[in-house]
PDB file of N, CA and C in Angstrom:
ATOM      1  N   MET A   1     -20.407  16.207   1.944  1.00  0.00           N
ATOM      2  CA  MET A   1     -21.094  15.258   2.735  1.00  0.00           C
ATOM      3  C   MET A   1     -22.179  15.710   3.676  1.00  0.00           C
ATOM      4  N   SER A   2     -23.077  15.609   3.632  1.00  0.00           N
ATOM      5  CA  SER A   2     -24.148  15.964   4.536  1.00  0.00           C
ATOM      6  C   SER A   2     -24.016  15.771   6.018  1.00  0.00           C
ATOM      7  N   THR A   3     -24.474  16.679   6.758  1.00  0.00           N
ATOM      8  CA  THR A   3     -24.533  16.203   8.046  1.00  0.00           C
ATOM      9  C   THR A   3     -25.184  14.865   8.718  1.00  0.00           C
ATOM     10  N   PRO A   4     -26.481  14.708   7.954  1.00  0.00           N
ATOM     11  CA  PRO A   4     -27.212  13.422   8.202  1.00  0.00           C
ATOM     12  C   PRO A   4     -25.896  12.216   7.912  1.00  0.00           C
ATOM     13  N   ALA A   5     -25.648  12.321   6.780  1.00  0.00           N
ATOM     14  CA  ALA A   5     -24.740  11.055   6.111  1.00  0.00           C
ATOM     15  C   ALA A   5     -23.656  10.872   7.008  1.00  0.00           C
ATOM     16  N   LEU A   6     -23.090  11.777   7.454  1.00  0.00           N
ATOM     17  CA  LEU A   6     -21.670  12.113   8.114  1.00  0.00           C
ATOM     18  C   LEU A   6     -21.986  11.285   9.533  1.00  0.00           C
ATOM     19  N   LEU A   7     -23.329  11.895  10.007  1.00  0.00           N
ATOM     20  CA  LEU A   7     -23.549  10.926  11.463  1.00  0.00           C
ATOM     21  C   LEU A   7     -24.152   9.777  11.184  1.00  0.00           C
ATOM     22  N   ALA A   8     -24.607   9.393  10.080  1.00  0.00           N
ATOM     23  CA  ALA A   8     -24.775   7.839   9.920  1.00  0.00           C
ATOM     24  C   ALA A   8     -23.660   7.179   9.604  1.00  0.00           C
ATOM     25  N   LEU A   9     -22.515   7.534   9.081  1.00  0.00           N
ATOM     26  CA  LEU A   9     -21.322   6.997   8.967  1.00  0.00           C
ATOM     27  C   LEU A   9     -20.787   6.662  10.075  1.00  0.00           C
ATOM     28  N   LEU A  10     -20.698   7.937  10.935  1.00  0.00           N
ATOM     29  CA  LEU A  10     -20.080   7.665  12.473  1.00  0.00           C
ATOM     30  C   LEU A  10     -20.791   6.611  13.285  1.00  0.00           C
ATOM     31  N   VAL A  11     -22.135   6.603  12.992  1.00  0.00           N
ATOM     32  CA  VAL A  11     -22.628   5.367  13.593  1.00  0.00           C
ATOM     33  C   VAL A  11     -22.694   4.215  13.192  1.00  0.00           C
ATOM     34  N   VAL A  12     -22.332   3.851  12.085  1.00  0.00           N
ATOM     35  CA  VAL A  12     -22.097   2.672  11.243  1.00  0.00           C
ATOM     36  C   VAL A  12     -20.974   2.360  11.729  1.00  0.00           C
ATOM     37  N   VAL A  13     -19.885   2.824  11.665  1.00  0.00           N
ATOM     38  CA  VAL A  13     -18.455   2.687  12.096  1.00  0.00           C
ATOM     39  C   VAL A  13     -18.390   2.514  13.222  1.00  0.00           C
ATOM     40  N   GLY A  14     -18.866   3.291  14.356  1.00  0.00           N
ATOM     41  CA  GLY A  14     -19.101   3.020  15.763  1.00  0.00           C
ATOM     42  C   GLY A  14     -19.619   1.513  15.983  1.00  0.00           C
ATOM     43  N   ILE A  15     -20.483   1.093  15.563  1.00  0.00           N
ATOM     44  CA  ILE A  15     -21.180  -0.051  15.432  1.00  0.00           C
ATOM     45  C   ILE A  15     -20.173  -1.200  14.996  1.00  0.00           C
ATOM     46  N   LEU A  16     -19.666  -1.018  13.963  1.00  0.00           N
ATOM     47  CA  LEU A  16     -18.644  -2.188  13.662  1.00  0.00           C
ATOM     48  C   LEU A  16     -17.459  -2.251  14.203  1.00  0.00           C
ATOM     49  N   THR A  17     -16.908  -0.958  14.807  1.00  0.00           N
ATOM     50  CA  THR A  17     -15.875  -1.393  15.821  1.00  0.00           C
ATOM     51  C   THR A  17     -16.406  -2.047  17.004  1.00  0.00           C
ATOM     52  N   PHE A  18     -17.237  -1.722  17.506  1.00  0.00           N
ATOM     53  CA  PHE A  18     -17.910  -2.505  18.920  1.00  0.00           C
ATOM     54  C   PHE A  18     -17.988  -3.914  18.463  1.00  0.00           C
ATOM     55  N   LEU A  19     -18.829  -4.399  17.361  1.00  0.00           N
ATOM     56  CA  LEU A  19     -19.062  -5.587  16.993  1.00  0.00           C
ATOM     57  C   LEU A  19     -17.584  -6.349  16.974  1.00  0.00           C
ATOM     58  N   TYR A  20     -16.558  -5.721  16.268  1.00  0.00           N
ATOM     59  CA  TYR A  20     -15.092  -6.245  16.019  1.00  0.00           C
ATOM     60  C   TYR A  20     -14.519  -6.559  17.492  1.00  0.00           C
ATOM     61  N   ARG A  21     -14.592  -5.519  18.366  1.00  0.00           N
ATOM     62  CA  ARG A  21     -14.013  -5.815  19.304  1.00  0.00           C
ATOM     63  C   ARG A  21     -14.622  -6.923  20.202  1.00  0.00           C
ATOM     64  N   TYR A  22     -16.009  -6.693  20.353  1.00  0.00           N
ATOM     65  CA  TYR A  22     -16.807  -7.529  21.401  1.00  0.00           C
ATOM     66  C   TYR A  22     -16.626  -8.895  20.750  1.00  0.00           C
ATOM     67  N   ALA A  23     -16.579  -9.309  19.506  1.00  0.00           N
ATOM     68  CA  ALA A  23     -16.376 -10.741  18.964  1.00  0.00           C
ATOM     69  C   ALA A  23     -15.255 -11.382  19.315  1.00  0.00           C
ATOM     70  N   MET A  24     -14.096 -10.702  19.527  1.00  0.00           N
ATOM     71  CA  MET A  24     -12.875 -11.111  20.376  1.00  0.00           C
ATOM     72  C   MET A  24     -12.922 -11.404  21.505  1.00  0.00           C
ATOM     73  N   ILE A  25     -13.710 -10.567  22.325  1.00  0.00           N
ATOM     74  CA  ILE A  25     -13.570 -10.720  23.739  1.00  0.00           C
ATOM     75  C   ILE A  25     -14.581 -11.737  24.153  1.00  0.00           C
ATOM     76  N   GLY A  26     -16.008 -11.881  23.195  1.00  0.00           N
ATOM     77  CA  GLY A  26     -17.114 -12.880  23.492  1.00  0.00           C
ATOM     78  C   GLY A  26     -16.256 -14.114  23.224  1.00  0.00           C
ATOM     79  N   PHE A  27     -15.523 -14.319  22.344  1.00  0.00           N
ATOM     80  CA  PHE A  27     -14.942 -15.526  21.980  1.00  0.00           C
ATOM     81  C   PHE A  27     -13.682 -16.144  23.038  1.00  0.00           C
ATOM     82  N   PHE A  28     -13.056 -15.206  23.383  1.00  0.00           N
ATOM     83  CA  PHE A  28     -11.971 -15.624  24.128  1.00  0.00           C
ATOM     84  C   PHE A  28     -12.445 -15.840  25.791  1.00  0.00           C
ATOM     85  N   ALA A  29     -13.764 -15.174  25.959  1.00  0.00           N
ATOM     86  CA  ALA A  29     -14.206 -15.378  27.225  1.00  0.00           C
ATOM     87  C   ALA A  29     -14.670 -16.968  27.476  1.00  0.00           C
ATOM     88  N   LYS A  30     -15.134 -17.307  26.467  1.00  0.00           N
ATOM     89  CA  LYS A  30     -15.770 -18.843  26.480  1.00  0.00           C
ATOM     90  C   LYS A  30     -14.893 -19.774  26.177  1.00  0.00           C
ATOM     91  N   HIS A  31     -13.612 -19.496  25.651  1.00  0.00           N
ATOM     92  CA  HIS A  31     -12.699 -20.572  25.463  1.00  0.00           C
ATOM     93  C   HIS A  31     -11.104 -20.119  26.312  1.00  0.00           C
ATOM     94  N   ALA A  32     -10.462 -20.973  26.307  1.00  0.00           N
ATOM     95  CA  ALA A  32      -9.260 -20.840  26.979  1.00  0.00           C
ATOM     96  C   ALA A  32      -7.950 -20.632  26.028  1.00  0.00           C
ATOM     97  N   LEU A  33      -7.340 -19.977  26.079  1.00  0.00           N
ATOM     98  CA  LEU A  33      -6.289 -19.570  24.732  1.00  0.00           C
ATOM     99  C   LEU A  33      -5.341 -20.877  24.567  1.00  0.00           C
ATOM    100  N   PRO A  34      -4.888 -20.996  23.549  1.00  0.00           N
ATOM    101  CA  PRO A  34      -3.802 -22.216  23.785  1.00  0.00           C
ATOM    102  C   PRO A  34      -2.335 -21.517  24.506  1.00  0.00           C
ATOM    103  N   GLY A  35      -1.697 -22.086  24.700  1.00  0.00           N
ATOM    104  CA  GLY A  35      -0.324 -22.013  25.629  1.00  0.00           C
ATOM    105  C   GLY A  35       0.484 -21.194  24.588  1.00  0.00           C
ATOM    106  N   TRP A  36       0.581 -21.394  23.489  1.00  0.00           N
ATOM    107  CA  TRP A  36       1.467 -20.870  22.762  1.00  0.00           C
ATOM    108  C   TRP A  36       0.804 -19.179  22.390  1.00  0.00           C
ATOM    109  N   LEU A  37      -0.374 -19.269  21.990  1.00  0.00           N
ATOM    110  CA  LEU A  37      -0.716 -18.121  22.111  1.00  0.00           C
ATOM    111  C   LEU A  37      -0.792 -17.174  23.325  1.00  0.00           C
ATOM    112  N   HIS A  38      -1.204 -17.524  24.440  1.00  0.00           N
ATOM    113  CA  HIS A  38      -1.018 -16.832  25.618  1.00  0.00           C
ATOM    114  C   HIS A  38       0.426 -16.392  25.795  1.00  0.00           C
ATOM    115  N   ALA A  39       1.217 -17.203  25.838  1.00  0.00           N
ATOM    116  CA  ALA A  39       2.961 -17.022  25.749  1.00  0.00           C
ATOM    117  C   ALA A  39       2.912 -15.900  24.623  1.00  0.00           C
ATOM    118  N   LEU A  40       2.584 -15.582  23.588  1.00  0.00           N
ATOM    119  CA  LEU A  40       2.546 -14.665  22.397  1.00  0.00           C
ATOM    120  C   LEU A  40       2.127 -13.367  22.959  1.00  0.00           C
ATOM    121  N   CYS A  41       0.845 -13.311  23.480  1.00  0.00           N
ATOM    122  CA  CYS A  41       0.222 -12.236  23.936  1.00  0.00           C
ATOM    123  C   CYS A  41       0.807 -11.521  24.814  1.00  0.00           C
ATOM    124  N   ARG A  42       1.464 -11.977  25.831  1.00  0.00           N
ATOM    125  CA  ARG A  42       2.771 -11.620  26.943  1.00  0.00           C
ATOM    126  C   ARG A  42       3.566 -10.340  26.330  1.00  0.00           C
ATOM    127  N   HIS A  43       3.956 -10.478  24.845  1.00  0.00           N
ATOM    128  CA  HIS A  43       4.741  -9.686  24.017  1.00  0.00           C
ATOM    129  C   HIS A  43       4.304  -8.670  23.443  1.00  0.00           C
ATOM    130  N   ILE A  44       2.756  -8.503  23.327  1.00  0.00           N
ATOM    131  CA  ILE A  44       2.162  -7.370  22.644  1.00  0.00           C
ATOM    132  C   ILE A  44       2.344  -5.887  23.163  1.00  0.00           C
ATOM    133  N   ALA A  45       2.034  -5.595  24.373  1.00  0.00           N
ATOM    134  CA  ALA A  45       2.047  -4.402  25.214  1.00  0.00           C
ATOM    135  C   ALA A  45       3.662  -3.963  25.090  1.00  0.00           C
ATOM    136  N   PRO A  46       4.866  -4.587  25.419  1.00  0.00           N
ATOM    137  CA  PRO A  46       6.035  -4.129  25.292  1.00  0.00           C
ATOM    138  C   PRO A  46       6.384  -3.876  23.700  1.00  0.00           C
ATOM    139  N   ALA A  47       6.108  -4.825  23.017  1.00  0.00           N
ATOM    140  CA  ALA A  47       6.446  -4.637  21.627  1.00  0.00           C
ATOM    141  C   ALA A  47       5.775  -3.320  20.928  1.00  0.00           C
ATOM    142  N   SER A  48       4.555  -3.003  21.353  1.00  0.00           N
ATOM    143  CA  SER A  48       3.635  -1.634  21.303  1.00  0.00           C
ATOM    144  C   SER A  48       4.533  -0.358  21.735  1.00  0.00           C
ATOM    145  N   PHE A  49       4.589  -0.663  22.862  1.00  0.00           N
ATOM    146  CA  PHE A  49       5.250   0.364  23.601  1.00  0.00           C
ATOM    147  C   PHE A  49       6.631   0.791  22.984  1.00  0.00           C
ATOM    148  N   ALA A  50       7.367  -0.184  22.805  1.00  0.00           N
ATOM    149  CA  ALA A  50       8.836   0.075  22.134  1.00  0.00           C
ATOM    150  C   ALA A  50       8.387   0.660  20.679  1.00  0.00           C
ATOM    151  N   ALA A  51       7.576   0.254  19.749  1.00  0.00           N
ATOM    152  CA  ALA A  51       7.590   0.853  18.562  1.00  0.00           C
ATOM    153  C   ALA A  51       6.976   2.403  18.519  1.00  0.00           C
ATOM    154  N   LEU A  52       6.228   2.838  19.502  1.00  0.00           N
ATOM    155  CA  LEU A  52       5.605   3.799  19.891  1.00  0.00           C
ATOM    156  C   LEU A  52       6.944   4.945  20.245  1.00  0.00           C
ATOM    157  N   THR A  53       7.678   4.246  21.152  1.00  0.00           N
ATOM    158  CA  THR A  53       9.053   5.048  21.657  1.00  0.00           C
ATOM    159  C   THR A  53       9.999   5.199  20.530  1.00  0.00           C
ATOM    160  N   ALA A  54      10.030   4.005  19.833  1.00  0.00           N
ATOM    161  CA  ALA A  54      11.222   4.324  18.684  1.00  0.00           C
ATOM    162  C   ALA A  54      10.832   5.450  17.731  1.00  0.00           C
ATOM    163  N   SER A  55       9.510   5.147  17.166  1.00  0.00           N
ATOM    164  CA  SER A  55       9.085   6.261  16.243  1.00  0.00           C
ATOM    165  C   SER A  55       9.104   7.885  16.724  1.00  0.00           C
ATOM    166  N   ALA A  56       8.559   8.126  18.275  1.00  0.00           N
ATOM    167  CA  ALA A  56       8.978   9.282  19.022  1.00  0.00           C
ATOM    168  C   ALA A  56      10.308   9.631  19.183  1.00  0.00           C
ATOM    169  N   LEU A  57      11.140   9.009  19.046  1.00  0.00           N
ATOM    170  CA  LEU A  57      12.605   9.604  19.470  1.00  0.00           C
ATOM    171  C   LEU A  57      13.489   9.604  17.927  1.00  0.00           C
ATOM    172  N   PHE A  58      13.107   8.499  17.035  1.00  0.00           N
ATOM    173  CA  PHE A  58      13.924   8.307  15.878  1.00  0.00           C
ATOM    174  C   PHE A  58      13.134   9.022  14.526  1.00  0.00           C
ATOM    175  N   VAL A  59      11.678   9.282  14.444  1.00  0.00           N
ATOM    176  CA  VAL A  59      11.228   9.710  13.176  1.00  0.00           C
ATOM    177  C   VAL A  59      11.077  11.408  13.440  1.00  0.00           C
ATOM    178  N   GLN A  60      11.542  11.876  12.234  1.00  0.00           N
ATOM    179  CA  GLN A  60      11.283  13.104  12.093  1.00  0.00           C
ATOM    180  C   GLN A  60      11.123  13.432  10.908  1.00  0.00           C
ATOM    181  N   GLY A  61      10.116  14.327  10.596  1.00  0.00           N
ATOM    182  CA  GLY A  61       9.308  14.789   9.185  1.00  0.00           C
ATOM    183  C   GLY A  61       9.270  13.426   8.336  1.00  0.00           C
ATOM    184  N   GLY A  62       8.830  12.303   8.839  1.00  0.00           N
ATOM    185  CA  GLY A  62       8.601  10.988   8.136  1.00  0.00           C
ATOM    186  C   GLY A  62       9.724  10.565   7.701  1.00  0.00           C
ATOM    187  N   ASP A  63      10.947  10.740   8.129  1.00  0.00           N
ATOM    188  CA  ASP A  63      12.294  10.106   8.006  1.00  0.00           C
ATOM    189  C   ASP A  63      12.693   9.650   9.218  1.00  0.00           C
ATOM    190  N   VAL A  64      13.413   8.697   9.138  1.00  0.00           N
ATOM    191  CA  VAL A  64      14.374   8.050  10.038  1.00  0.00           C
ATOM    192  C   VAL A  64      15.407   8.398   9.985  1.00  0.00           C
ATOM    193  N   HIS A  65      15.414   9.193  11.491  1.00  0.00           N
ATOM    194  CA  HIS A  65      16.873   9.703  11.688  1.00  0.00           C
ATOM    195  C   HIS A  65      17.399   9.442  13.138  1.00  0.00           C
ATOM    196  N   PHE A  66      18.739   8.356  13.095  1.00  0.00           N
ATOM    197  CA  PHE A  66      19.291   7.883  13.944  1.00  0.00           C
ATOM    198  C   PHE A  66      20.438   8.783  14.791  1.00  0.00           C
ATOM    199  N   ALA A  67      20.108  10.046  14.604  1.00  0.00           N
ATOM    200  CA  ALA A  67      21.262  10.845  15.205  1.00  0.00           C
ATOM    201  C   ALA A  67      20.800  11.496  16.814  1.00  0.00           C
ATOM    202  N   PHE A  68      21.827  11.499  17.284  1.00  0.00           N
ATOM    203  CA  PHE A  68      21.705  11.892  18.851  1.00  0.00           C
ATOM    204  C   PHE A  68      21.994  13.566  19.090  1.00  0.00           C
ATOM    205  N   ASP A  69      21.416  14.033  18.175  1.00  0.00           N
ATOM    206  CA  ASP A  69      21.525  15.662  17.997  1.00  0.00           C
ATOM    207  C   ASP A  69      20.623  16.316  18.656  1.00  0.00           C
ATOM    208  N   THR A  70      19.671  15.461  19.257  1.00  0.00           N
ATOM    209  CA  THR A  70      18.216  16.192  19.895  1.00  0.00           C
ATOM    210  C   THR A  70      18.206  15.908  21.417  1.00  0.00           C
ATOM    211  N   PRO A  71      17.421  16.566  22.172  1.00  0.00           N
ATOM    212  CA  PRO A  71      17.865  15.958  23.685  1.00  0.00           C
ATOM    213  C   PRO A  71      16.785  14.636  24.021  1.00  0.00           C
ATOM    214  N   ARG A  72      15.822  14.139  22.912  1.00  0.00           N
ATOM    215  CA  ARG A  72      14.780  13.010  23.335  1.00  0.00           C
ATOM    216  C   ARG A  72      15.901  11.647  23.371  1.00  0.00           C
ATOM    217  N   PRO A  73      16.531  11.264  22.592  1.00  0.00           N
ATOM    218  CA  PRO A  73      17.291  10.015  22.590  1.00  0.00           C
ATOM    219  C   PRO A  73      17.988  10.084  24.083  1.00  0.00           C
ATOM    220  N   TRP A  74      18.974  10.985  24.438  1.00  0.00           N
ATOM    221  CA  TRP A  74      19.530  11.586  25.654  1.00  0.00           C
ATOM    222  C   TRP A  74      18.825  11.167  27.006  1.00  0.00           C
ATOM    223  N   ALA A  75      17.451  11.673  27.102  1.00  0.00           N
ATOM    224  CA  ALA A  75      16.357  11.588  27.761  1.00  0.00           C
ATOM    225  C   ALA A  75      15.936  10.115  28.245  1.00  0.00           C
ATOM    226  N   ALA A  76      15.413   9.684  27.230  1.00  0.00           N
ATOM    227  CA  ALA A  76      15.376   8.385  27.024  1.00  0.00           C
ATOM    228  C   ALA A  76      16.376   7.092  27.453  1.00  0.00           C
ATOM    229  N   LEU A  77      17.659   7.476  27.298  1.00  0.00           N
ATOM    230  CA  LEU A  77      18.933   6.562  27.906  1.00  0.00           C
ATOM    231  C   LEU A  77      18.716   6.832  29.473  1.00  0.00           C
ATOM    232  N   ALA A  78      18.747   8.173  29.799  1.00  0.00           N
ATOM    233  CA  ALA A  78      18.603   8.385  31.312  1.00  0.00           C
ATOM    234  C   ALA A  78      17.675   7.546  31.775  1.00  0.00           C
ATOM    235  N   ALA A  79      16.517   7.931  30.953  1.00  0.00           N
ATOM    236  CA  ALA A  79      15.161   7.025  31.594  1.00  0.00           C
ATOM    237  C   ALA A  79      15.192   5.486  31.760  1.00  0.00           C
ATOM    238  N   VAL A  80      15.945   5.159  30.376  1.00  0.00           N
ATOM    239  CA  VAL A  80      16.203   3.548  30.602  1.00  0.00           C
ATOM    240  C   VAL A  80      17.137   3.111  31.668  1.00  0.00           C
ATOM    241  N   ILE A  81      18.271   3.976  32.003  1.00  0.00           N
ATOM    242  CA  ILE A  81      19.220   3.762  33.312  1.00  0.00           C
ATOM    243  C   ILE A  81      18.354   3.645  34.479  1.00  0.00           C
ATOM    244  N   VAL A  82      17.416   4.682  34.690  1.00  0.00           N
ATOM    245  CA  VAL A  82      16.949   4.504  36.072  1.00  0.00           C
ATOM    246  C   VAL A  82      15.802   3.497  35.977  1.00  0.00           C
ATOM    247  N   ALA A  83      15.350   3.202  34.854  1.00  0.00           N
ATOM    248  CA  ALA A  83      14.280   1.835  35.177  1.00  0.00           C
ATOM    249  C   ALA A  83      14.991   0.865  35.634  1.00  0.00           C
ATOM    250  N   TRP A  84      16.129   0.878  34.922  1.00  0.00           N
ATOM    251  CA  TRP A  84      16.940  -0.446  35.128  1.00  0.00           C
ATOM    252  C   TRP A  84      17.486  -0.677  36.538  1.00  0.00           C
ATOM    253  N   ARG A  85      18.035   0.460  36.925  1.00  0.00           N
ATOM    254  CA  ARG A  85      18.700   0.347  38.246  1.00  0.00           C
ATOM    255  C   ARG A  85      17.566   0.320  39.225  1.00  0.00           C
ATOM    256  N   THR A  86      16.023   1.090  39.295  1.00  0.00           N
ATOM    257  CA  THR A  86      15.252   1.262  40.327  1.00  0.00           C
ATOM    258  C   THR A  86      13.979   0.520  40.245  1.00  0.00           C
ATOM    259  N   ARG A  87      13.753   0.363  38.920  1.00  0.00           N
ATOM    260  CA  ARG A  87      12.272  -0.512  38.841  1.00  0.00           C
ATOM    261  C   ARG A  87      11.163   0.112  39.175  1.00  0.00           C
ATOM    262  N   ASN A  88      11.225   1.510  39.261  1.00  0.00           N
ATOM    263  CA  ASN A  88      10.139   2.525  39.748  1.00  0.00           C
ATOM    264  C   ASN A  88       9.676   3.192  38.541  1.00  0.00           C
ATOM    265  N   VAL A  89       8.391   3.079  38.228  1.00  0.00           N
ATOM    266  CA  VAL A  89       7.683   3.826  37.075  1.00  0.00           C
ATOM    267  C   VAL A  89       8.027   5.070  37.527  1.00  0.00           C
ATOM    268  N   LEU A  90       7.609   5.825  38.729  1.00  0.00           N
ATOM    269  CA  LEU A  90       7.742   7.161  38.774  1.00  0.00           C
ATOM    270  C   LEU A  90       8.889   7.817  38.728  1.00  0.00           C
ATOM    271  N   ALA A  91      10.104   6.921  39.228  1.00  0.00           N
ATOM    272  CA  ALA A  91      11.622   7.489  39.178  1.00  0.00           C
ATOM    273  C   ALA A  91      11.782   7.814  37.489  1.00  0.00           C
ATOM    274  N   THR A  92      11.486   6.605  36.996  1.00  0.00           N
ATOM    275  CA  THR A  92      11.772   6.636  35.532  1.00  0.00           C
ATOM    276  C   THR A  92      11.144   8.164  34.634  1.00  0.00           C
ATOM    277  N   ILE A  93       9.720   8.068  34.899  1.00  0.00           N
ATOM    278  CA  ILE A  93       9.292   9.098  34.187  1.00  0.00           C
ATOM    279  C   ILE A  93      10.258  10.509  34.717  1.00  0.00           C
ATOM    280  N   ALA A  94      10.313  10.598  36.104  1.00  0.00           N
ATOM    281  CA  ALA A  94      10.665  11.727  36.684  1.00  0.00           C
ATOM    282  C   ALA A  94      12.102  12.060  35.983  1.00  0.00           C
ATOM    283  N   ALA A  95      13.037  11.053  35.682  1.00  0.00           N
ATOM    284  CA  ALA A  95      14.388  11.041  35.331  1.00  0.00           C
ATOM    285  C   ALA A  95      14.410  11.704  33.955  1.00  0.00           C
ATOM    286  N   GLY A  96      13.502  10.913  33.160  1.00  0.00           N
ATOM    287  CA  GLY A  96      13.481  11.189  32.235  1.00  0.00           C
ATOM    288  C   GLY A  96      13.188  12.745  31.477  1.00  0.00           C
ATOM    289  N   MET A  97      12.031  13.129  31.950  1.00  0.00           N
ATOM    290  CA  MET A  97      11.566  14.536  32.077  1.00  0.00           C
ATOM    291  C   MET A  97      12.473  15.413  32.421  1.00  0.00           C
ATOM    292  N   ALA A  98      13.165  15.367  33.567  1.00  0.00           N
ATOM    293  CA  ALA A  98      13.699  16.283  34.199  1.00  0.00           C
ATOM    294  C   ALA A  98      15.124  16.191  33.178  1.00  0.00           C
ATOM    295  N   THR A  99      15.886  15.220  32.422  1.00  0.00           N
ATOM    296  CA  THR A  99      16.762  15.164  31.774  1.00  0.00           C
ATOM    297  C   THR A  99      16.605  15.668  30.434  1.00  0.00           C
ATOM    298  N   LEU A 100      15.363  15.689  29.829  1.00  0.00           N
ATOM    299  CA  LEU A 100      14.954  16.016  28.542  1.00  0.00           C
ATOM    300  C   LEU A 100      14.558  17.902  28.887  1.00  0.00           C
ATOM    301  N   TYR A 101      14.225  18.149  29.961  1.00  0.00           N
ATOM    302  CA  TYR A 101      13.746  19.456  30.468  1.00  0.00           C
ATOM    303  C   TYR A 101      15.178  20.232  30.416  1.00  0.00           C
ATOM    304  N   LEU A 102      15.963  19.475  31.051  1.00  0.00           N
ATOM    305  CA  LEU A 102      17.422  20.259  31.564  1.00  0.00           C
ATOM    306  C   LEU A 102      18.333  20.216  30.145  1.00  0.00           C
ATOM    307  N   LEU A 103      18.252  19.288  29.618  1.00  0.00           N
ATOM    308  CA  LEU A 103      18.986  19.501  28.112  1.00  0.00           C
ATOM    309  C   LEU A 103      18.496  20.151  27.081  1.00  0.00           C
ATOM    310  N   LYS A 104      17.278  20.613  26.945  1.00  0.00           N
ATOM    311  CA  LYS A 104      16.395  21.651  26.231  1.00  0.00           C
ATOM    312  C   LYS A 104      17.117  23.058  26.776  1.00  0.00           C
ATOM    313  N   PHE A 105      16.951  23.132  28.106  1.00  0.00           N
ATOM    314  CA  PHE A 105      17.360  24.381  28.568  1.00  0.00           C
ATOM    315  C   PHE A 105      18.696  24.629  28.491  1.00  0.00           C
ATOM    316  N   LEU A 106      19.666  23.697  28.812  1.00  0.00           N
ATOM    317  CA  LEU A 106      21.081  23.683  28.870  1.00  0.00           C
ATOM    318  C   LEU A 106      22.001  23.829  27.492  1.00  0.00           C
ATOM    319  N   ILE A 107      21.430  22.771  26.474  1.00  0.00           N
ATOM    320  CA  ILE A 107      22.235  22.639  25.394  1.00  0.00           C
ATOM    321  C   ILE A 107      21.592  23.002  24.275  1.00  0.00           C
ATOM    322  N   PHE A 108      20.415  22.614  23.984  1.00  0.00           N
ATOM    323  CA  PHE A 108      19.753  22.226  22.795  1.00  0.00           C
ATOM    324  C   PHE A 108      18.581  23.873  22.386  1.00  0.00           C
TER     325      PHE A 108
END
């Protein structure tokens, strides 16, 4: 593919992406969401985070691997416990990262 064709493709894809996203924002800015949709939208961020976290923890080489033979699941468990007890984001991140690096250094 030539450079001008690639640049034109990037511009077209960028414009289409902008229009797609702006159409949703423009539509919902003028109308109120129905109650059921508003309640459903509250679960989008936690579900997305759970999917990203689960794939980072349990997918290795394209296969699902539910074993606790790596430090990541243990560090995630430590972070979950700290998050549950403290409800502090910085403490949760610090505990998870400290556990991850400590386990990598000592055991794995």
